[in-house]
Amino acid sequence: MAQEQTCLQDLEAEEESLQAQLDKAIADQVRMHTTFKMELRESAKCCEEMMAQHDDTKAQWSALEAELIGMEGHLQTVLDERDRLEEKSMNLESDIQCAFSMQRYLESQLKDRLAKSSI
């Protein structure tokens, strides 16, 4: 009987030890579960913020792209205007050279007439 009593006490001590281990394991699991849930919420919040930032960046990119397209059009207009002005400038230079040639010709003609009338 004493032997059975000792065995029973050993089993009760083992049960208490196992119960304590189980309680600790449950507490650890609850703590880990709580930690994981909190980390998951933080990750979801971070993901939402990143998505919002991504959307903002995408909108900024689209605005910059539209602005660039507008600037390219404006640049082409300016280049076309520059080409037109260069052509006009070349024509004016040609006209000036023509006018100088005409002036020299007329001056030469005038000198010839003056020389003939002096004779």
C-alpha atoms as a PDB file:
ATOM      1  CA  MET A   1       0.000   0.000   0.000  1.00  0.00           C
ATOM      2  CA  ALA A   2       2.848   2.345   0.882  1.00  0.00           C
ATOM      3  CA  GLN A   3       4.434   1.476  -2.405  1.00  0.00           C
ATOM      4  CA  GLU A   4       1.198   2.293  -4.247  1.00  0.00           C
ATOM      5  CA  GLN A   5       0.934   5.504  -2.255  1.00  0.00           C
ATOM      6  CA  THR A   6       4.463   6.498  -3.325  1.00  0.00           C
ATOM      7  CA  CYS A   7       3.702   5.573  -6.921  1.00  0.00           C
ATOM      8  CA  LEU A   8       0.515   7.662  -6.758  1.00  0.00           C
ATOM      9  CA  GLN A   9       2.444  10.625  -5.353  1.00  0.00           C
ATOM     10  CA  ASP A  10       5.057  10.251  -8.085  1.00  0.00           C
ATOM     11  CA  LEU A  11       2.295  10.177 -10.704  1.00  0.00           C
ATOM     12  CA  GLU A  12       0.634  13.226  -9.167  1.00  0.00           C
ATOM     13  CA  ALA A  13       3.983  15.067  -9.140  1.00  0.00           C
ATOM     14  CA  GLU A  14       4.537  14.042 -12.764  1.00  0.00           C
ATOM     15  CA  GLU A  15       0.987  15.191 -13.605  1.00  0.00           C
ATOM     16  CA  GLU A  16       1.649  18.554 -11.941  1.00  0.00           C
ATOM     17  CA  SER A  17       4.928  18.855 -13.826  1.00  0.00           C
ATOM     18  CA  LEU A  18       3.254  17.944 -17.113  1.00  0.00           C
ATOM     19  CA  GLN A  19       0.364  20.339 -16.374  1.00  0.00           C
ATOM     20  CA  ALA A  20       2.883  23.113 -15.636  1.00  0.00           C
ATOM     21  CA  GLN A  21       4.682  22.324 -18.908  1.00  0.00           C
ATOM     22  CA  LEU A  22       1.353  22.304 -20.758  1.00  0.00           C
ATOM     23  CA  ASP A  23       0.307  25.617 -19.170  1.00  0.00           C
ATOM     24  CA  LYS A  24       3.678  27.123 -20.098  1.00  0.00           C
ATOM     25  CA  ALA A  25       3.397  25.783 -23.667  1.00  0.00           C
ATOM     26  CA  ILE A  26      -0.146  27.174 -23.973  1.00  0.00           C
ATOM     27  CA  ALA A  27       0.972  30.545 -22.589  1.00  0.00           C
ATOM     28  CA  ASP A  28       3.898  30.542 -25.033  1.00  0.00           C
ATOM     29  CA  GLN A  29       1.570  29.679 -27.915  1.00  0.00           C
ATOM     30  CA  VAL A  30      -0.895  32.426 -26.902  1.00  0.00           C
ATOM     31  CA  ARG A  31       1.979  34.927 -26.621  1.00  0.00           C
ATOM     32  CA  MET A  32       3.367  33.861 -30.014  1.00  0.00           C
ATOM     33  CA  HIS A  33      -0.117  33.988 -31.543  1.00  0.00           C
ATOM     34  CA  THR A  34      -0.635  37.488 -30.146  1.00  0.00           C
ATOM     35  CA  THR A  35       2.791  38.583 -31.383  1.00  0.00           C
ATOM     36  CA  PHE A  36       2.129  37.154 -34.853  1.00  0.00           C
ATOM     37  CA  LYS A  37      -1.283  38.841 -35.024  1.00  0.00           C
ATOM     38  CA  MET A  38       0.276  42.158 -34.021  1.00  0.00           C
ATOM     39  CA  GLU A  39       3.073  41.741 -36.583  1.00  0.00           C
ATOM     40  CA  LEU A  40       0.502  40.784 -39.213  1.00  0.00           C
ATOM     41  CA  ARG A  41      -1.524  43.943 -38.456  1.00  0.00           C
ATOM     42  CA  GLU A  42       1.643  46.052 -38.655  1.00  0.00           C
ATOM     43  CA  SER A  43       2.607  44.372 -41.926  1.00  0.00           C
ATOM     44  CA  ALA A  44      -0.875  44.952 -43.347  1.00  0.00           C
ATOM     45  CA  LYS A  45      -0.721  48.610 -42.288  1.00  0.00           C
ATOM     46  CA  CYS A  46       2.749  48.951 -43.813  1.00  0.00           C
ATOM     47  CA  CYS A  47       1.502  47.274 -46.990  1.00  0.00           C
ATOM     48  CA  GLU A  48      -1.442  49.694 -47.201  1.00  0.00           C
ATOM     49  CA  GLU A  49       0.925  52.644 -46.724  1.00  0.00           C
ATOM     50  CA  MET A  50       3.237  51.284 -49.408  1.00  0.00           C
ATOM     51  CA  MET A  51       0.319  50.802 -51.792  1.00  0.00           C
ATOM     52  CA  ALA A  52      -0.825  54.379 -51.147  1.00  0.00           C
ATOM     53  CA  GLN A  53       2.736  55.607 -51.699  1.00  0.00           C
ATOM     54  CA  HIS A  54       2.923  53.496 -54.860  1.00  0.00           C
ATOM     55  CA  ASP A  55      -0.312  55.042 -56.119  1.00  0.00           C
ATOM     56  CA  ASP A  56       1.003  58.552 -55.345  1.00  0.00           C
ATOM     57  CA  THR A  57       4.276  57.800 -57.096  1.00  0.00           C
ATOM     58  CA  LYS A  58       2.422  56.371 -60.064  1.00  0.00           C
ATOM     59  CA  ALA A  59       0.269  59.517 -60.277  1.00  0.00           C
ATOM     60  CA  GLN A  60       3.368  61.713 -60.059  1.00  0.00           C
ATOM     61  CA  TRP A  61       5.023  59.617 -62.775  1.00  0.00           C
ATOM     62  CA  SER A  62       1.973  60.022 -65.019  1.00  0.00           C
ATOM     63  CA  ALA A  63       1.952  63.783 -64.428  1.00  0.00           C
ATOM     64  CA  LEU A  64       5.656  64.022 -65.225  1.00  0.00           C
ATOM     65  CA  GLU A  65       5.183  61.898 -68.315  1.00  0.00           C
ATOM     66  CA  ALA A  66       2.363  64.158 -69.522  1.00  0.00           C
ATOM     67  CA  GLU A  67       4.499  67.212 -68.782  1.00  0.00           C
ATOM     68  CA  LEU A  68       7.391  65.685 -70.727  1.00  0.00           C
ATOM     69  CA  ILE A  69       5.141  64.991 -73.700  1.00  0.00           C
ATOM     70  CA  GLY A  70       3.972  68.615 -73.579  1.00  0.00           C
ATOM     71  CA  MET A  71       7.569  69.823 -73.352  1.00  0.00           C
ATOM     72  CA  GLU A  72       8.540  67.658 -76.321  1.00  0.00           C
ATOM     73  CA  GLY A  73       5.753  69.265 -78.340  1.00  0.00           C
ATOM     74  CA  HIS A  74       6.859  72.718 -77.218  1.00  0.00           C
ATOM     75  CA  LEU A  75      10.481  71.882 -78.049  1.00  0.00           C
ATOM     76  CA  GLN A  76       9.478  70.735 -81.535  1.00  0.00           C
ATOM     77  CA  THR A  77       7.568  73.985 -82.040  1.00  0.00           C
ATOM     78  CA  VAL A  78      10.617  75.998 -80.930  1.00  0.00           C
ATOM     79  CA  LEU A  79      12.910  73.978 -83.203  1.00  0.00           C
ATOM     80  CA  ASP A  80      10.560  74.497 -86.135  1.00  0.00           C
ATOM     81  CA  GLU A  81      10.487  78.239 -85.373  1.00  0.00           C
ATOM     82  CA  ARG A  82      14.298  78.290 -85.162  1.00  0.00           C
ATOM     83  CA  ASP A  83      14.550  76.561 -88.564  1.00  0.00           C
ATOM     84  CA  ARG A  84      12.093  79.054 -90.053  1.00  0.00           C
ATOM     85  CA  LEU A  85      14.040  81.996 -88.610  1.00  0.00           C
ATOM     86  CA  GLU A  86      17.359  80.581 -89.856  1.00  0.00           C
ATOM     87  CA  GLU A  87      15.890  80.241 -93.330  1.00  0.00           C
ATOM     88  CA  LYS A  88      14.518  83.785 -93.153  1.00  0.00           C
ATOM     89  CA  SER A  89      17.903  85.036 -91.917  1.00  0.00           C
ATOM     90  CA  MET A  90      19.680  83.306 -94.803  1.00  0.00           C
ATOM     91  CA  ASN A  91      17.211  84.847 -97.247  1.00  0.00           C
ATOM     92  CA  LEU A  92      17.787  88.283 -95.715  1.00  0.00           C
ATOM     93  CA  GLU A  93      21.556  87.822 -95.928  1.00  0.00           C
ATOM     94  CA  SER A  94      21.162  86.849 -99.574  1.00  0.00           C
ATOM     95  CA  ASP A  95      18.980  89.902-100.169  1.00  0.00           C
ATOM     96  CA  ILE A  96      21.594  92.099 -98.456  1.00  0.00           C
ATOM     97  CA  GLN A  97      24.370  90.637-100.614  1.00  0.00           C
ATOM     98  CA  CYS A  98      22.185  91.216-103.676  1.00  0.00           C
ATOM     99  CA  ALA A  99      21.571  94.801-102.577  1.00  0.00           C
ATOM    100  CA  PHE A 100      25.325  95.374-102.074  1.00  0.00           C
ATOM    101  CA  SER A 101      26.007  93.941-105.515  1.00  0.00           C
ATOM    102  CA  MET A 102      23.329  96.159-107.017  1.00  0.00           C
ATOM    103  CA  GLN A 103      24.740  99.191-105.168  1.00  0.00           C
ATOM    104  CA  ARG A 104      28.267  98.467-106.464  1.00  0.00           C
ATOM    105  CA  TYR A 105      26.885  97.992-109.969  1.00  0.00           C
ATOM    106  CA  LEU A 106      24.945 101.228-109.818  1.00  0.00           C
ATOM    107  CA  GLU A 107      27.930 103.089-108.363  1.00  0.00           C
ATOM    108  CA  SER A 108      30.046 101.692-111.171  1.00  0.00           C
ATOM    109  CA  GLN A 109      27.453 102.773-113.734  1.00  0.00           C
ATOM    110  CA  LEU A 110      27.315 106.219-112.157  1.00  0.00           C
ATOM    111  CA  LYS A 111      31.110 106.570-112.262  1.00  0.00           C
ATOM    112  CA  ASP A 112      31.117 105.486-115.893  1.00  0.00           C
ATOM    113  CA  ARG A 113      28.435 108.060-116.798  1.00  0.00           C
ATOM    114  CA  LEU A 114      30.200 110.783-114.836  1.00  0.00           C
ATOM    115  CA  ALA A 115      33.466 109.896-116.536  1.00  0.00           C
ATOM    116  CA  LYS A 116      31.781 109.966-119.964  1.00  0.00           C
ATOM    117  CA  SER A 117      30.034 113.253-119.265  1.00  0.00           C
ATOM    118  CA  SER A 118      33.328 114.839-118.081  1.00  0.00           C
ATOM    119  CA  ILE A 119      35.013 113.976-121.283  1.00  0.00           C
END
